[in-house]
Amino acid sequence: MTVDGCTAAKAPNTSSCIVYSNSTEGKVINPVQSARLSTRISHSVKYGRIEVRARLPTGDWLWPAIWMLPTNSTYGEWPASGEIDIMESRGNGWKYGAMGADWITSTIHWGPLTGFDRSYKTTGTWQDRHGIYSEKWHTFVVEWNEEFIWIYLDTRTVRIFNLKFNKPFWDRGDFPPVFNNGTHDEVLPNPWQGAGNIAPFDQDFYLILNVAVGGTNGWFPDNIGDKLRETDRIVAAMKDFINAKDKWWPTWPADVKKRGMAIDWVKMYQKC
């Protein structure tokens, strides 16, 4: 099944626009419809300030995100060209053991190859100790220039993450000199060689707003909160998810506006 007019990915990589079922594998068409909006075609920013006023959703396994990707993969495929996660959260209740709806996370992703993403070195979290982020509106902000990147909530005093670009990302990564590509060892390449301390965050990025449901990439860790499928057994994950509807559906609000991420406004300022 292909979505007509899908703009989720650039050709020829259009896998995000296609879904299929296979009864032998236990794979089903996505049982839940969610959405993503992006400015990939319309607008991007290289250094500046981005503000998004939003109210987050609540409900088990809901995954809201406000994030940015490079318009062009200048330094190579993900994560070599970077990713800026202004906000990610989980809709699970406050008793959930892996930071639920009362927590938000801000991160930047970077690394020479997929297996060497060093985002764990550049991440921050913030807890709402008086409620959850679905109860009122908040403004999520990133400020980013040649010297630093800041991500904060509502005001600069609530800074979730900040980093000064005072040394190359290659030096931050503690990368091994060689890696095994599956058949033999080879030298791990430095995609930012000679590009300066800020690379890969010295290029245009576009904004993405989305709500995902579930996932098998580890955002919802195994063995926490009655997770429905182990990460290393992903083919039938969606089938298992819909078969367990009686467990998670009651946690989703009857008001569909509260189980989605509501956006009041978006402002993108380009540094002059």
C-alpha atoms as a PDB file:
ATOM      1  CA  MET A   1       0.000   0.000   0.000  1.00  0.00           C
ATOM      2  CA  THR A   2       1.522   3.312  -1.102  1.00  0.00           C
ATOM      3  CA  VAL A   3       0.446   6.772   0.045  1.00  0.00           C
ATOM      4  CA  ASP A   4      -0.171   9.091  -2.907  1.00  0.00           C
ATOM      5  CA  GLY A   5       1.695  12.372  -2.647  1.00  0.00           C
ATOM      6  CA  CYS A   6       3.776  11.194   0.314  1.00  0.00           C
ATOM      7  CA  THR A   7       6.614  13.601   1.122  1.00  0.00           C
ATOM      8  CA  ALA A   8       8.102  11.631   4.032  1.00  0.00           C
ATOM      9  CA  ALA A   9      11.301  10.796   2.201  1.00  0.00           C
ATOM     10  CA  LYS A  10      13.255  11.797  -0.854  1.00  0.00           C
ATOM     11  CA  ALA A  11      13.292   9.471  -3.857  1.00  0.00           C
ATOM     12  CA  PRO A  12      14.539   6.839  -4.310  1.00  0.00           C
ATOM     13  CA  ASN A  13      14.256   6.104  -0.559  1.00  0.00           C
ATOM     14  CA  THR A  14      10.467   6.084  -0.256  1.00  0.00           C
ATOM     15  CA  SER A  15      10.136   3.243   2.264  1.00  0.00           C
ATOM     16  CA  SER A  16       8.397   5.601   4.705  1.00  0.00           C
ATOM     17  CA  CYS A  17       5.562   5.952   2.185  1.00  0.00           C
ATOM     18  CA  ILE A  18       4.900   2.209   1.821  1.00  0.00           C
ATOM     19  CA  VAL A  19       3.339  -0.407   4.131  1.00  0.00           C
ATOM     20  CA  TYR A  20       2.568  -4.069   3.514  1.00  0.00           C
ATOM     21  CA  SER A  21       1.171  -7.118   5.304  1.00  0.00           C
ATOM     22  CA  ASN A  22       2.480 -10.683   5.417  1.00  0.00           C
ATOM     23  CA  SER A  23       0.455 -13.314   7.286  1.00  0.00           C
ATOM     24  CA  THR A  24       3.372 -15.772   7.323  1.00  0.00           C
ATOM     25  CA  GLU A  25       5.617 -13.272   9.092  1.00  0.00           C
ATOM     26  CA  GLY A  26       2.814 -11.971  11.297  1.00  0.00           C
ATOM     27  CA  LYS A  27       3.215  -8.481   9.839  1.00  0.00           C
ATOM     28  CA  VAL A  28       0.085  -6.316   9.593  1.00  0.00           C
ATOM     29  CA  ILE A  29      -0.765  -2.890   8.206  1.00  0.00           C
ATOM     30  CA  ASN A  30      -0.175  -0.215  10.830  1.00  0.00           C
ATOM     31  CA  PRO A  31      -3.088  -0.566  13.287  1.00  0.00           C
ATOM     32  CA  VAL A  32      -2.901   3.046  14.506  1.00  0.00           C
ATOM     33  CA  GLN A  33      -2.814   6.190  12.385  1.00  0.00           C
ATOM     34  CA  SER A  34      -0.477   8.939  13.527  1.00  0.00           C
ATOM     35  CA  ALA A  35       0.987  11.935  11.741  1.00  0.00           C
ATOM     36  CA  ARG A  36       4.111  13.920  10.931  1.00  0.00           C
ATOM     37  CA  LEU A  37       4.436  17.481   9.662  1.00  0.00           C
ATOM     38  CA  SER A  38       7.716  18.894   8.387  1.00  0.00           C
ATOM     39  CA  THR A  39       9.170  21.973   6.718  1.00  0.00           C
ATOM     40  CA  ARG A  40      11.587  19.934   4.586  1.00  0.00           C
ATOM     41  CA  ILE A  41      10.182  21.314   1.354  1.00  0.00           C
ATOM     42  CA  SER A  42       9.182  24.768   2.594  1.00  0.00           C
ATOM     43  CA  HIS A  43      11.704  26.128   5.115  1.00  0.00           C
ATOM     44  CA  SER A  44      15.011  25.472   6.863  1.00  0.00           C
ATOM     45  CA  VAL A  45      17.343  27.351   9.212  1.00  0.00           C
ATOM     46  CA  LYS A  46      21.105  27.483   9.651  1.00  0.00           C
ATOM     47  CA  TYR A  47      21.655  29.081  13.077  1.00  0.00           C
ATOM     48  CA  GLY A  48      18.832  30.944  14.752  1.00  0.00           C
ATOM     49  CA  ARG A  49      15.949  30.327  17.131  1.00  0.00           C
ATOM     50  CA  ILE A  50      13.036  27.922  16.802  1.00  0.00           C
ATOM     51  CA  GLU A  51      10.011  28.054  19.117  1.00  0.00           C
ATOM     52  CA  VAL A  52       7.094  25.632  19.239  1.00  0.00           C
ATOM     53  CA  ARG A  53       4.188  26.143  21.639  1.00  0.00           C
ATOM     54  CA  ALA A  54       2.588  22.758  22.162  1.00  0.00           C
ATOM     55  CA  ARG A  55       0.526  20.619  24.500  1.00  0.00           C
ATOM     56  CA  LEU A  56       1.758  17.040  24.626  1.00  0.00           C
ATOM     57  CA  PRO A  57      -0.455  13.937  24.422  1.00  0.00           C
ATOM     58  CA  THR A  58      -1.083  11.407  27.156  1.00  0.00           C
ATOM     59  CA  GLY A  59      -1.645   7.668  26.784  1.00  0.00           C
ATOM     60  CA  ASP A  60       0.525   4.561  26.948  1.00  0.00           C
ATOM     61  CA  TRP A  61       3.087   4.195  24.147  1.00  0.00           C
ATOM     62  CA  LEU A  62       2.430   7.607  22.586  1.00  0.00           C
ATOM     63  CA  TRP A  63       5.704   9.235  21.484  1.00  0.00           C
ATOM     64  CA  PRO A  64       5.529  12.969  20.699  1.00  0.00           C
ATOM     65  CA  ALA A  65       8.568  14.673  19.196  1.00  0.00           C
ATOM     66  CA  ILE A  66       9.690  18.109  18.012  1.00  0.00           C
ATOM     67  CA  TRP A  67      12.962  17.718  16.151  1.00  0.00           C
ATOM     68  CA  MET A  68      15.166  18.740  13.226  1.00  0.00           C
ATOM     69  CA  LEU A  69      17.055  16.997  10.440  1.00  0.00           C
ATOM     70  CA  PRO A  70      19.576  18.351   7.909  1.00  0.00           C
ATOM     71  CA  THR A  71      18.142  19.487   4.593  1.00  0.00           C
ATOM     72  CA  ASN A  72      21.118  17.905   2.856  1.00  0.00           C
ATOM     73  CA  SER A  73      23.216  15.033   4.180  1.00  0.00           C
ATOM     74  CA  THR A  74      26.399  17.067   3.808  1.00  0.00           C
ATOM     75  CA  TYR A  75      28.535  14.716   5.890  1.00  0.00           C
ATOM     76  CA  GLY A  76      26.828  11.446   4.991  1.00  0.00           C
ATOM     77  CA  GLU A  77      23.848   9.420   6.114  1.00  0.00           C
ATOM     78  CA  TRP A  78      22.485   9.470   9.679  1.00  0.00           C
ATOM     79  CA  PRO A  79      23.933  10.237  12.151  1.00  0.00           C
ATOM     80  CA  ALA A  80      26.969  11.723  10.353  1.00  0.00           C
ATOM     81  CA  SER A  81      25.032  14.839   9.310  1.00  0.00           C
ATOM     82  CA  GLY A  82      23.396  15.320  12.711  1.00  0.00           C
ATOM     83  CA  GLU A  83      19.942  15.487  14.273  1.00  0.00           C
ATOM     84  CA  ILE A  84      18.530  17.980  16.796  1.00  0.00           C
ATOM     85  CA  ASP A  85      15.805  16.651  19.109  1.00  0.00           C
ATOM     86  CA  ILE A  86      14.242  19.712  20.707  1.00  0.00           C
ATOM     87  CA  MET A  87      11.756  17.597  22.659  1.00  0.00           C
ATOM     88  CA  GLU A  88      10.784  13.954  22.958  1.00  0.00           C
ATOM     89  CA  SER A  89       8.495  12.418  25.540  1.00  0.00           C
ATOM     90  CA  ARG A  90       6.419   9.352  26.361  1.00  0.00           C
ATOM     91  CA  GLY A  91       2.687   9.378  27.003  1.00  0.00           C
ATOM     92  CA  ASN A  92       2.838   6.673  29.674  1.00  0.00           C
ATOM     93  CA  GLY A  93       1.766   7.676  33.183  1.00  0.00           C
ATOM     94  CA  TRP A  94       4.107   8.953  35.878  1.00  0.00           C
ATOM     95  CA  LYS A  95       4.471   5.449  37.376  1.00  0.00           C
ATOM     96  CA  TYR A  96       6.096   4.195  34.148  1.00  0.00           C
ATOM     97  CA  GLY A  97       9.683   3.212  34.922  1.00  0.00           C
ATOM     98  CA  ALA A  98      11.455   4.823  31.951  1.00  0.00           C
ATOM     99  CA  MET A  99      10.378   8.474  32.321  1.00  0.00           C
ATOM    100  CA  GLY A 100       6.750   8.929  31.324  1.00  0.00           C
ATOM    101  CA  ALA A 101       4.514  11.916  30.595  1.00  0.00           C
ATOM    102  CA  ASP A 102       6.070  14.023  33.366  1.00  0.00           C
ATOM    103  CA  TRP A 103       9.481  13.981  31.631  1.00  0.00           C
ATOM    104  CA  ILE A 104      10.904  15.484  28.442  1.00  0.00           C
ATOM    105  CA  THR A 105      14.246  14.778  26.774  1.00  0.00           C
ATOM    106  CA  SER A 106      16.416  16.950  24.504  1.00  0.00           C
ATOM    107  CA  THR A 107      19.270  15.454  22.489  1.00  0.00           C
ATOM    108  CA  ILE A 108      21.583  15.983  19.558  1.00  0.00           C
ATOM    109  CA  HIS A 109      22.643  12.947  17.524  1.00  0.00           C
ATOM    110  CA  TRP A 110      26.019  12.658  15.822  1.00  0.00           C
ATOM    111  CA  GLY A 111      28.485   9.960  14.826  1.00  0.00           C
ATOM    112  CA  PRO A 112      30.395   8.676  11.783  1.00  0.00           C
ATOM    113  CA  LEU A 113      28.171   5.620  11.220  1.00  0.00           C
ATOM    114  CA  THR A 114      24.849   4.261  12.519  1.00  0.00           C
ATOM    115  CA  GLY A 115      26.458   2.017  15.119  1.00  0.00           C
ATOM    116  CA  PHE A 116      28.498   4.911  16.510  1.00  0.00           C
ATOM    117  CA  ASP A 117      25.788   7.422  17.401  1.00  0.00           C
ATOM    118  CA  ARG A 118      27.089   9.309  20.451  1.00  0.00           C
ATOM    119  CA  SER A 119      23.860  11.046  21.442  1.00  0.00           C
ATOM    120  CA  TYR A 120      24.158   9.645  24.967  1.00  0.00           C
ATOM    121  CA  LYS A 121      26.991  12.152  25.467  1.00  0.00           C
ATOM    122  CA  THR A 122      24.814  15.108  24.452  1.00  0.00           C
ATOM    123  CA  THR A 123      21.392  14.718  26.043  1.00  0.00           C
ATOM    124  CA  GLY A 124      19.404  16.347  28.819  1.00  0.00           C
ATOM    125  CA  THR A 125      16.117  15.727  30.641  1.00  0.00           C
ATOM    126  CA  TRP A 126      13.607  17.767  32.641  1.00  0.00           C
ATOM    127  CA  GLN A 127      10.819  16.625  34.945  1.00  0.00           C
ATOM    128  CA  ASP A 128       7.580  18.455  35.693  1.00  0.00           C
ATOM    129  CA  ARG A 129       7.323  17.792  39.424  1.00  0.00           C
ATOM    130  CA  HIS A 130       3.802  19.206  39.655  1.00  0.00           C
ATOM    131  CA  GLY A 131       2.025  17.380  36.836  1.00  0.00           C
ATOM    132  CA  ILE A 132       2.448  16.077  33.304  1.00  0.00           C
ATOM    133  CA  TYR A 133       3.136  17.903  30.046  1.00  0.00           C
ATOM    134  CA  SER A 134      -0.320  17.197  28.636  1.00  0.00           C
ATOM    135  CA  GLU A 135      -2.021  19.351  31.271  1.00  0.00           C
ATOM    136  CA  LYS A 136      -1.015  22.756  29.897  1.00  0.00           C
ATOM    137  CA  TRP A 137       0.749  24.516  27.049  1.00  0.00           C
ATOM    138  CA  HIS A 138       4.532  24.834  26.970  1.00  0.00           C
ATOM    139  CA  THR A 139       7.001  26.532  24.637  1.00  0.00           C
ATOM    140  CA  PHE A 140       9.917  24.385  23.490  1.00  0.00           C
ATOM    141  CA  VAL A 141      12.871  26.425  22.238  1.00  0.00           C
ATOM    142  CA  VAL A 142      16.250  25.844  20.612  1.00  0.00           C
ATOM    143  CA  GLU A 143      18.837  28.601  20.160  1.00  0.00           C
ATOM    144  CA  TRP A 144      21.753  27.658  17.963  1.00  0.00           C
ATOM    145  CA  ASN A 145      24.703  29.552  16.493  1.00  0.00           C
ATOM    146  CA  GLU A 146      28.390  29.119  15.697  1.00  0.00           C
ATOM    147  CA  GLU A 147      29.310  29.040  19.395  1.00  0.00           C
ATOM    148  CA  PHE A 148      26.647  26.988  21.197  1.00  0.00           C
ATOM    149  CA  ILE A 149      23.298  25.212  21.121  1.00  0.00           C
ATOM    150  CA  TRP A 150      20.738  25.682  23.912  1.00  0.00           C
ATOM    151  CA  ILE A 151      17.432  23.889  24.327  1.00  0.00           C
ATOM    152  CA  TYR A 152      15.043  25.110  26.989  1.00  0.00           C
ATOM    153  CA  LEU A 153      11.454  25.009  28.222  1.00  0.00           C
ATOM    154  CA  ASP A 154       9.362  28.210  28.371  1.00  0.00           C
ATOM    155  CA  THR A 155      12.220  30.423  29.652  1.00  0.00           C
ATOM    156  CA  ARG A 156      16.006  30.381  29.514  1.00  0.00           C
ATOM    157  CA  THR A 157      16.116  29.528  33.208  1.00  0.00           C
ATOM    158  CA  VAL A 158      14.720  26.052  32.463  1.00  0.00           C
ATOM    159  CA  ARG A 159      17.555  24.859  30.285  1.00  0.00           C
ATOM    160  CA  ILE A 160      17.211  21.195  29.339  1.00  0.00           C
ATOM    161  CA  PHE A 161      20.391  20.929  27.314  1.00  0.00           C
ATOM    162  CA  ASN A 162      23.279  23.187  26.355  1.00  0.00           C
ATOM    163  CA  LEU A 163      26.586  22.626  24.609  1.00  0.00           C
ATOM    164  CA  LYS A 164      29.437  24.921  23.621  1.00  0.00           C
ATOM    165  CA  PHE A 165      31.111  24.105  20.319  1.00  0.00           C
ATOM    166  CA  ASN A 166      34.575  24.353  21.848  1.00  0.00           C
ATOM    167  CA  LYS A 167      36.075  21.203  20.357  1.00  0.00           C
ATOM    168  CA  PRO A 168      35.450  18.922  17.360  1.00  0.00           C
ATOM    169  CA  PHE A 169      32.743  16.296  17.712  1.00  0.00           C
ATOM    170  CA  TRP A 170      35.256  13.667  16.636  1.00  0.00           C
ATOM    171  CA  ASP A 171      37.235  14.441  19.796  1.00  0.00           C
ATOM    172  CA  ARG A 172      34.085  14.163  21.928  1.00  0.00           C
ATOM    173  CA  GLY A 173      33.155  10.724  20.661  1.00  0.00           C
ATOM    174  CA  ASP A 174      35.896   8.432  22.022  1.00  0.00           C
ATOM    175  CA  PHE A 175      35.627   6.520  18.766  1.00  0.00           C
ATOM    176  CA  PRO A 176      37.709   3.383  18.147  1.00  0.00           C
ATOM    177  CA  PRO A 177      40.337   3.640  15.388  1.00  0.00           C
ATOM    178  CA  VAL A 178      38.902   0.650  13.505  1.00  0.00           C
ATOM    179  CA  PHE A 179      35.577  -1.203  13.260  1.00  0.00           C
ATOM    180  CA  ASN A 180      34.355  -4.457  11.757  1.00  0.00           C
ATOM    181  CA  ASN A 181      32.042  -3.956   8.785  1.00  0.00           C
ATOM    182  CA  GLY A 182      30.732  -7.516   8.955  1.00  0.00           C
ATOM    183  CA  THR A 183      33.471  -9.117   6.913  1.00  0.00           C
ATOM    184  CA  HIS A 184      36.701  -7.396   7.923  1.00  0.00           C
ATOM    185  CA  ASP A 185      38.173  -4.558   9.978  1.00  0.00           C
ATOM    186  CA  GLU A 186      38.567  -1.113   8.473  1.00  0.00           C
ATOM    187  CA  VAL A 187      39.516   2.366   9.638  1.00  0.00           C
ATOM    188  CA  LEU A 188      36.617   4.316  11.120  1.00  0.00           C
ATOM    189  CA  PRO A 189      36.248   7.445   8.953  1.00  0.00           C
ATOM    190  CA  ASN A 190      36.011  10.959  10.364  1.00  0.00           C
ATOM    191  CA  PRO A 191      33.242  12.587   8.280  1.00  0.00           C
ATOM    192  CA  TRP A 192      33.952  16.049   9.749  1.00  0.00           C
ATOM    193  CA  GLN A 193      37.702  16.156   9.088  1.00  0.00           C
ATOM    194  CA  GLY A 194      38.749  19.780   8.554  1.00  0.00           C
ATOM    195  CA  ALA A 195      35.195  21.118   8.910  1.00  0.00           C
ATOM    196  CA  GLY A 196      35.532  22.895  12.275  1.00  0.00           C
ATOM    197  CA  ASN A 197      34.206  22.353  15.790  1.00  0.00           C
ATOM    198  CA  ILE A 198      30.540  22.856  14.941  1.00  0.00           C
ATOM    199  CA  ALA A 199      30.286  20.213  12.187  1.00  0.00           C
ATOM    200  CA  PRO A 200      27.868  18.547  11.526  1.00  0.00           C
ATOM    201  CA  PHE A 201      25.647  21.327  12.919  1.00  0.00           C
ATOM    202  CA  ASP A 202      26.935  23.926  10.439  1.00  0.00           C
ATOM    203  CA  GLN A 203      24.247  23.372   7.818  1.00  0.00           C
ATOM    204  CA  ASP A 204      20.554  23.994   7.200  1.00  0.00           C
ATOM    205  CA  PHE A 205      18.081  21.976   9.280  1.00  0.00           C
ATOM    206  CA  TYR A 206      14.315  21.686   8.840  1.00  0.00           C
ATOM    207  CA  LEU A 207      11.656  21.214  11.520  1.00  0.00           C
ATOM    208  CA  ILE A 208       9.562  18.090  12.175  1.00  0.00           C
ATOM    209  CA  LEU A 209       6.500  17.712  14.417  1.00  0.00           C
ATOM    210  CA  ASN A 210       5.160  14.211  14.944  1.00  0.00           C
ATOM    211  CA  VAL A 211       3.471  11.717  17.214  1.00  0.00           C
ATOM    212  CA  ALA A 212       4.533   8.089  16.866  1.00  0.00           C
ATOM    213  CA  VAL A 213       2.920   5.096  18.545  1.00  0.00           C
ATOM    214  CA  GLY A 214       5.088   2.414  20.114  1.00  0.00           C
ATOM    215  CA  GLY A 215       8.352   1.433  18.490  1.00  0.00           C
ATOM    216  CA  THR A 216      11.115  -1.140  18.490  1.00  0.00           C
ATOM    217  CA  ASN A 217      14.188   1.119  18.476  1.00  0.00           C
ATOM    218  CA  GLY A 218      14.607   1.246  22.260  1.00  0.00           C
ATOM    219  CA  TRP A 219      12.819   4.518  23.041  1.00  0.00           C
ATOM    220  CA  PHE A 220      10.427   2.343  25.026  1.00  0.00           C
ATOM    221  CA  PRO A 221      12.931   0.000  26.728  1.00  0.00           C
ATOM    222  CA  ASP A 222      12.341  -3.728  26.987  1.00  0.00           C
ATOM    223  CA  ASN A 223      11.154  -5.179  30.293  1.00  0.00           C
ATOM    224  CA  ILE A 224       9.729  -1.876  31.565  1.00  0.00           C
ATOM    225  CA  GLY A 225       6.051  -1.011  31.865  1.00  0.00           C
ATOM    226  CA  ASP A 226       4.651  -4.242  30.444  1.00  0.00           C
ATOM    227  CA  LYS A 227       6.165  -3.614  27.017  1.00  0.00           C
ATOM    228  CA  LEU A 228       4.383  -5.708  24.414  1.00  0.00           C
ATOM    229  CA  ARG A 229       7.263  -6.830  22.222  1.00  0.00           C
ATOM    230  CA  GLU A 230      10.989  -7.344  22.716  1.00  0.00           C
ATOM    231  CA  THR A 231      13.183  -5.073  20.586  1.00  0.00           C
ATOM    232  CA  ASP A 232      14.983  -7.996  18.920  1.00  0.00           C
ATOM    233  CA  ARG A 233      11.695  -9.542  17.703  1.00  0.00           C
ATOM    234  CA  ILE A 234      10.218  -6.774  15.618  1.00  0.00           C
ATOM    235  CA  VAL A 235       8.472  -8.323  12.597  1.00  0.00           C
ATOM    236  CA  ALA A 236       5.176  -9.021  14.378  1.00  0.00           C
ATOM    237  CA  ALA A 237       5.342  -6.013  16.706  1.00  0.00           C
ATOM    238  CA  MET A 238       2.305  -4.244  15.256  1.00  0.00           C
ATOM    239  CA  LYS A 239       0.213  -7.397  15.358  1.00  0.00           C
ATOM    240  CA  ASP A 240       1.108  -7.955  19.000  1.00  0.00           C
ATOM    241  CA  PHE A 241       0.337  -4.319  19.727  1.00  0.00           C
ATOM    242  CA  ILE A 242      -3.195  -4.384  18.360  1.00  0.00           C
ATOM    243  CA  ASN A 243      -3.860  -7.773  19.994  1.00  0.00           C
ATOM    244  CA  ALA A 244      -3.055  -6.138  23.343  1.00  0.00           C
ATOM    245  CA  LYS A 245      -5.423  -3.220  22.774  1.00  0.00           C
ATOM    246  CA  ASP A 246      -7.312  -3.951  25.995  1.00  0.00           C
ATOM    247  CA  LYS A 247      -4.164  -3.037  27.947  1.00  0.00           C
ATOM    248  CA  TRP A 248      -3.288   0.321  26.387  1.00  0.00           C
ATOM    249  CA  TRP A 249      -6.518   1.643  24.874  1.00  0.00           C
ATOM    250  CA  PRO A 250      -8.094   2.528  28.264  1.00  0.00           C
ATOM    251  CA  THR A 251      -5.126   4.853  28.968  1.00  0.00           C
ATOM    252  CA  TRP A 252      -5.859   6.955  25.860  1.00  0.00           C
ATOM    253  CA  PRO A 253      -8.217   9.917  26.464  1.00  0.00           C
ATOM    254  CA  ALA A 254     -11.674   9.763  24.906  1.00  0.00           C
ATOM    255  CA  ASP A 255     -11.072  13.296  23.615  1.00  0.00           C
ATOM    256  CA  VAL A 256      -8.949  12.760  20.494  1.00  0.00           C
ATOM    257  CA  LYS A 257      -7.437  16.234  20.906  1.00  0.00           C
ATOM    258  CA  LYS A 258      -5.779  15.094  24.137  1.00  0.00           C
ATOM    259  CA  ARG A 259      -4.279  11.951  22.644  1.00  0.00           C
ATOM    260  CA  GLY A 260      -2.622  14.047  19.926  1.00  0.00           C
ATOM    261  CA  MET A 261       0.044  16.741  20.193  1.00  0.00           C
ATOM    262  CA  ALA A 262      -1.679  20.113  19.914  1.00  0.00           C
ATOM    263  CA  ILE A 263       0.324  22.929  18.286  1.00  0.00           C
ATOM    264  CA  ASP A 264      -0.546  26.561  19.030  1.00  0.00           C
ATOM    265  CA  TRP A 265       2.184  28.154  16.950  1.00  0.00           C
ATOM    266  CA  VAL A 266       5.630  27.685  15.409  1.00  0.00           C
ATOM    267  CA  LYS A 267       8.241  30.428  14.992  1.00  0.00           C
ATOM    268  CA  MET A 268      11.511  29.970  13.095  1.00  0.00           C
ATOM    269  CA  TYR A 269      14.041  32.819  13.210  1.00  0.00           C
ATOM    270  CA  GLN A 270      17.109  32.837  10.964  1.00  0.00           C
ATOM    271  CA  LYS A 271      20.259  34.451  12.370  1.00  0.00           C
ATOM    272  CA  CYS A 272      21.265  37.447  10.261  1.00  0.00           C
END
